[in-house]
């Protein structure tokens, strides 16, 4: 690997209630990679993302950005939209927090909504949107900040399979267009296989890296890959590594 965009070295985290979420986590992510973290519930996947984002402080270890801290976008498992605000205002939030002039912020937020397929829904409130559309607003909000590194914490877990697959495809398209680096948490073997250039399998709590699986999916990916022998074999590798890690 060339100089990584992100490096986690000997990260450990124990919460005040005694939960030892992460034991010793070492992970490097290169510029342009799509890395998925998979592992059993409670193994520290989401905690690791929050440490990278600066929302949590590790008890030990270091988080480094060798080429300088990039702009970071975060997409949570729940859309976490402001119910009183329109889709445009929700997508504009990070720009408002930066003090960007309202006109420019509206233009960039509207462009981000358009990129996730929500042209014409700028004035819609969250209560008027489906679950998939709410998640699209959440992704647009992250994209509006023009991040270099995108952190995604099980963003599609609550969606039906067809919506999930459509959003997977849209996400890959956006990543290619913006040359994004992605650190993605999921419980789905199939989702991690479809999206990733590398899958990092974590052990049960306290989490650490059990195995790293490099993938070479065809580019661009589409429905034919989901139905291919290569996809079946790759998903099998991830599944086997996960079973081994859970039994460790």
Protein backbone atom coordinates (compact mmCIF):
# COMPACT_ATOMS: atom_id res chain seq x y z
CA UNK A 1 0.00 0.00 0.00
CA UNK A 2 1.17 3.53 -0.78
CA UNK A 3 0.99 6.22 1.90
CA UNK A 4 -2.43 5.61 3.47
CA UNK A 5 -5.12 8.24 3.70
CA UNK A 6 -6.01 6.92 7.15
CA UNK A 7 -4.09 4.84 9.66
CA UNK A 8 -5.30 3.34 12.95
CA UNK A 9 -2.55 1.98 15.18
CA UNK A 10 -3.16 -0.11 18.33
CA UNK A 11 -6.56 1.50 18.95
CA UNK A 12 -8.30 0.45 22.17
CA UNK A 13 -11.57 1.63 23.66
CA UNK A 14 -13.39 0.72 26.87
CA UNK A 15 -16.60 2.51 27.84
CA UNK A 16 -17.50 3.75 31.32
CA UNK A 17 -19.97 0.88 31.77
CA UNK A 18 -17.06 -1.54 31.46
CA UNK A 19 -17.72 -2.64 27.87
CA UNK A 20 -14.39 -3.35 26.20
CA UNK A 21 -15.38 -2.50 22.64
CA UNK A 22 -12.00 -2.52 20.88
CA UNK A 23 -8.95 -4.44 22.05
CA UNK A 24 -6.15 -3.59 19.62
CA UNK A 25 -7.18 -2.39 16.19
CA UNK A 26 -4.63 -1.79 13.44
CA UNK A 27 -5.97 -0.66 10.09
CA UNK A 28 -4.72 1.39 7.14
CA UNK A 29 -6.96 2.66 4.35
CA UNK A 30 -5.49 3.86 1.06
CA UNK A 31 -6.75 6.78 -0.98
CA UNK A 32 -9.63 5.62 -3.16
CA UNK A 33 -10.28 2.34 -1.33
CA UNK A 34 -13.71 1.09 -0.37
CA UNK A 35 -13.13 -0.85 2.87
CA UNK A 36 -15.95 -2.64 4.68
CA UNK A 37 -15.81 -3.68 8.33
CA UNK A 38 -17.80 -6.82 9.12
CA UNK A 39 -18.08 -8.74 12.36
CA UNK A 40 -20.50 -9.80 15.09
CA UNK A 41 -22.64 -7.24 16.89
CA UNK A 42 -20.72 -5.36 19.55
CA UNK A 43 -17.27 -5.97 18.05
CA UNK A 44 -16.44 -2.27 17.82
CA UNK A 45 -17.17 -1.54 14.15
CA UNK A 46 -19.29 1.54 14.82
CA UNK A 47 -16.98 2.61 17.63
CA UNK A 48 -14.06 2.54 15.20
CA UNK A 49 -15.92 4.83 12.79
CA UNK A 50 -16.70 7.30 15.55
CA UNK A 51 -13.07 7.33 16.62
CA UNK A 52 -11.99 8.09 13.04
CA UNK A 53 -14.54 10.91 12.88
CA UNK A 54 -13.34 12.38 16.17
CA UNK A 55 -16.67 11.73 17.89
CA UNK A 56 -14.97 9.39 20.39
CA UNK A 57 -11.49 9.44 21.87
CA UNK A 58 -9.58 6.13 22.05
CA UNK A 59 -8.10 5.00 25.35
CA UNK A 60 -4.92 3.97 23.57
CA UNK A 61 -3.44 4.07 20.11
CA UNK A 62 -3.36 6.71 17.41
CA UNK A 63 -5.47 7.87 14.48
CA UNK A 64 -3.31 9.41 11.77
CA UNK A 65 -3.95 11.08 8.44
CA UNK A 66 -0.45 11.01 6.88
CA UNK A 67 -1.36 13.45 4.11
CA UNK A 68 -3.38 15.72 6.37
CA UNK A 69 -6.89 15.36 7.76
CA UNK A 70 -9.34 15.22 4.85
CA UNK A 71 -12.89 16.53 4.77
CA UNK A 72 -14.97 13.76 6.35
CA UNK A 73 -18.61 12.89 5.72
CA UNK A 74 -20.57 10.61 8.06
CA UNK A 75 -23.73 8.68 7.20
CA UNK A 76 -25.37 7.02 10.22
CA UNK A 77 -27.57 3.93 10.37
CA UNK A 78 -30.61 6.15 10.90
CA UNK A 79 -31.06 9.14 8.57
CA UNK A 80 -31.05 11.50 11.63
CA UNK A 81 -32.90 14.20 9.72
CA UNK A 82 -34.39 17.28 11.36
CA UNK A 83 -38.16 16.62 11.14
CA UNK A 84 -39.03 20.32 11.00
CA UNK A 85 -36.69 21.03 8.06
CA UNK A 86 -37.07 20.40 4.34
CA UNK A 87 -34.88 17.99 2.43
CA UNK A 88 -32.92 20.98 1.13
CA UNK A 89 -32.37 22.40 4.61
CA UNK A 90 -31.31 18.99 5.92
CA UNK A 91 -28.83 18.53 3.08
CA UNK A 92 -27.55 22.07 3.66
CA UNK A 93 -26.82 21.55 7.36
CA UNK A 94 -23.01 20.99 7.19
CA UNK A 95 -22.68 24.06 4.98
CA UNK A 96 -24.70 26.16 7.42
CA UNK A 97 -22.43 24.99 10.23
CA UNK A 98 -19.44 26.16 8.18
CA UNK A 99 -21.00 29.57 7.68
CA UNK A 100 -21.33 29.29 3.91
CA UNK A 101 -23.53 32.03 2.41
CA UNK A 102 -27.13 30.80 2.09
CA UNK A 103 -27.36 31.14 -1.69
CA UNK A 104 -24.22 29.13 -2.35
CA UNK A 105 -25.19 26.58 0.29
CA UNK A 106 -28.65 26.10 -1.24
CA UNK A 107 -27.12 25.61 -4.67
CA UNK A 108 -24.65 22.99 -3.45
CA UNK A 109 -27.28 21.18 -1.34
CA UNK A 110 -29.73 21.11 -4.26
CA UNK A 111 -27.01 19.69 -6.50
CA UNK A 112 -26.29 16.97 -3.92
CA UNK A 113 -29.98 16.05 -3.71
CA UNK A 114 -30.10 15.80 -7.48
CA UNK A 115 -27.12 13.47 -7.50
CA UNK A 116 -28.95 11.01 -5.23
CA UNK A 117 -32.10 11.08 -7.33
CA UNK A 118 -34.16 13.60 -5.35
CA UNK A 119 -34.68 16.35 -7.90
CA UNK A 120 -38.08 17.88 -7.18
CA UNK A 121 -38.09 16.88 -3.50
CA UNK A 122 -36.16 19.88 -2.17
CA UNK A 123 -39.21 21.20 -0.30
CA UNK A 124 -40.36 17.84 1.06
CA UNK A 125 -40.27 17.18 4.81
CA UNK A 126 -38.94 13.89 6.23
CA UNK A 127 -42.47 12.72 7.10
CA UNK A 128 -43.31 12.89 3.40
CA UNK A 129 -40.40 10.66 2.33
CA UNK A 130 -39.95 6.89 2.25
CA UNK A 131 -37.19 5.21 4.22
CA UNK A 132 -35.00 4.96 1.15
CA UNK A 133 -35.57 8.61 0.27
CA UNK A 134 -34.68 9.70 3.81
CA UNK A 135 -31.40 7.81 3.51
CA UNK A 136 -30.76 9.51 0.18
CA UNK A 137 -31.16 12.88 1.92
CA UNK A 138 -28.67 11.72 4.55
CA UNK A 139 -26.18 10.76 1.83
CA UNK A 140 -26.78 14.08 0.06
CA UNK A 141 -26.03 15.89 3.32
CA UNK A 142 -22.69 14.10 3.54
CA UNK A 143 -21.88 14.77 -0.12
CA UNK A 144 -22.77 18.47 0.16
CA UNK A 145 -19.66 18.96 2.29
CA UNK A 146 -17.57 17.52 -0.58
CA UNK A 147 -15.76 14.96 1.59
CA UNK A 148 -12.65 13.05 0.66
CA UNK A 149 -13.36 10.33 3.25
CA UNK A 150 -16.88 8.96 3.70
CA UNK A 151 -17.74 7.02 6.87
CA UNK A 152 -20.92 4.93 6.66
CA UNK A 153 -22.38 3.06 9.63
CA UNK A 154 -24.82 0.40 8.37
CA UNK A 155 -26.70 3.01 6.34
CA UNK A 156 -28.89 0.54 4.44
CA UNK A 157 -29.59 -2.02 7.18
CA UNK A 158 -33.26 -1.05 7.69
CA UNK A 159 -34.18 -0.98 3.99
CA UNK A 160 -35.80 -3.64 1.85
CA UNK A 161 -33.52 -5.65 -0.40
CA UNK A 162 -34.41 -3.96 -3.70
CA UNK A 163 -33.96 -0.46 -2.24
CA UNK A 164 -30.72 -1.57 -0.64
CA UNK A 165 -29.34 -2.89 -3.93
CA UNK A 166 -30.34 0.29 -5.75
CA UNK A 167 -28.59 2.43 -3.14
CA UNK A 168 -25.52 0.19 -3.32
CA UNK A 169 -25.31 0.84 -7.05
CA UNK A 170 -25.87 4.58 -6.60
CA UNK A 171 -23.20 4.71 -3.90
CA UNK A 172 -20.62 3.05 -6.15
CA UNK A 173 -21.42 5.53 -8.91
CA UNK A 174 -21.01 8.50 -6.56
CA UNK A 175 -17.74 7.09 -5.19
CA UNK A 176 -16.34 6.76 -8.70
CA UNK A 177 -17.43 10.26 -9.70
CA UNK A 178 -15.95 11.92 -6.60
CA UNK A 179 -12.94 9.61 -6.08
CA UNK A 180 -14.15 8.96 -2.55
CA UNK A 181 -12.44 6.82 0.05
CA UNK A 182 -15.06 4.88 2.04
CA UNK A 183 -14.98 3.09 5.38
CA UNK A 184 -18.26 1.16 5.53
CA UNK A 185 -19.79 -0.84 8.39
CA UNK A 186 -22.23 -3.62 7.55
CA UNK A 187 -23.48 -6.94 8.90
CA UNK A 188 -24.18 -8.20 5.39
CA UNK A 189 -21.63 -10.52 3.81
CA UNK A 190 -23.22 -9.92 0.41
CA UNK A 191 -23.24 -6.14 0.71
CA UNK A 192 -19.62 -6.03 1.80
CA UNK A 193 -18.63 -8.31 -1.07
CA UNK A 194 -20.50 -6.27 -3.65
CA UNK A 195 -19.25 -2.86 -2.58
CA UNK A 196 -15.71 -3.36 -1.39
CA UNK A 197 -12.19 -3.45 -2.69
CA UNK A 198 -11.25 -4.90 0.72
CA UNK A 199 -13.24 -6.51 3.54
CA UNK A 200 -11.86 -6.37 7.08
CA UNK A 201 -13.29 -9.11 9.30
CA UNK A 202 -13.30 -8.32 13.02
CA UNK A 203 -13.32 -10.65 16.03
CA UNK A 204 -15.98 -10.61 18.74
CA UNK A 205 -15.58 -7.95 21.42
CA UNK A 206 -13.03 -6.64 22.15
CA UNK A 207 -12.70 -6.10 18.43
CA UNK A 208 -9.51 -6.50 16.47
CA UNK A 209 -8.74 -7.48 12.89
CA UNK A 210 -9.11 -11.20 12.33
CA UNK A 211 -8.61 -11.29 8.56
CA UNK A 212 -8.40 -8.93 5.61
CA UNK A 213 -9.80 -10.07 2.26
CA UNK A 214 -8.81 -8.23 -0.92
CA UNK A 215 -11.41 -8.34 -3.68
CA UNK A 216 -11.13 -7.65 -7.39
CA UNK A 217 -14.69 -7.17 -8.62
CA UNK A 218 -15.32 -6.11 -12.21
CA UNK A 219 -15.66 -2.39 -12.89
CA UNK A 220 -18.25 -1.10 -13.17
CA UNK A 221 -20.24 -3.50 -11.01
CA UNK A 222 -23.84 -4.29 -11.92
CA UNK A 223 -26.51 -6.96 -11.54
CA UNK A 224 -24.50 -9.42 -13.64
CA UNK A 225 -21.79 -9.44 -10.96
CA UNK A 226 -24.34 -10.31 -8.25
CA UNK A 227 -25.30 -13.35 -10.34
CA UNK A 228 -21.77 -14.40 -11.24
CA UNK A 229 -19.69 -17.33 -9.95
CA UNK A 230 -17.02 -14.81 -8.91
CA UNK A 231 -19.45 -13.03 -6.58
CA UNK A 232 -20.57 -16.32 -5.07
CA UNK A 233 -16.95 -17.35 -4.48
CA UNK A 234 -15.98 -13.96 -3.02
CA UNK A 235 -18.99 -13.93 -0.67
CA UNK A 236 -18.06 -17.45 0.39
CA UNK A 237 -14.56 -16.28 1.32
CA UNK A 238 -15.94 -13.45 3.43
CA UNK A 239 -18.51 -15.73 5.07
CA UNK A 240 -15.88 -18.36 5.92
CA UNK A 241 -13.58 -15.74 7.44
CA UNK A 242 -16.45 -14.34 9.50
CA UNK A 243 -17.37 -17.78 10.83
CA UNK A 244 -13.73 -18.43 11.76
CA UNK A 245 -13.46 -15.07 13.51
CA UNK A 246 -16.64 -15.63 15.50
CA UNK A 247 -15.33 -18.95 16.67
CA UNK A 248 -11.95 -17.60 17.67
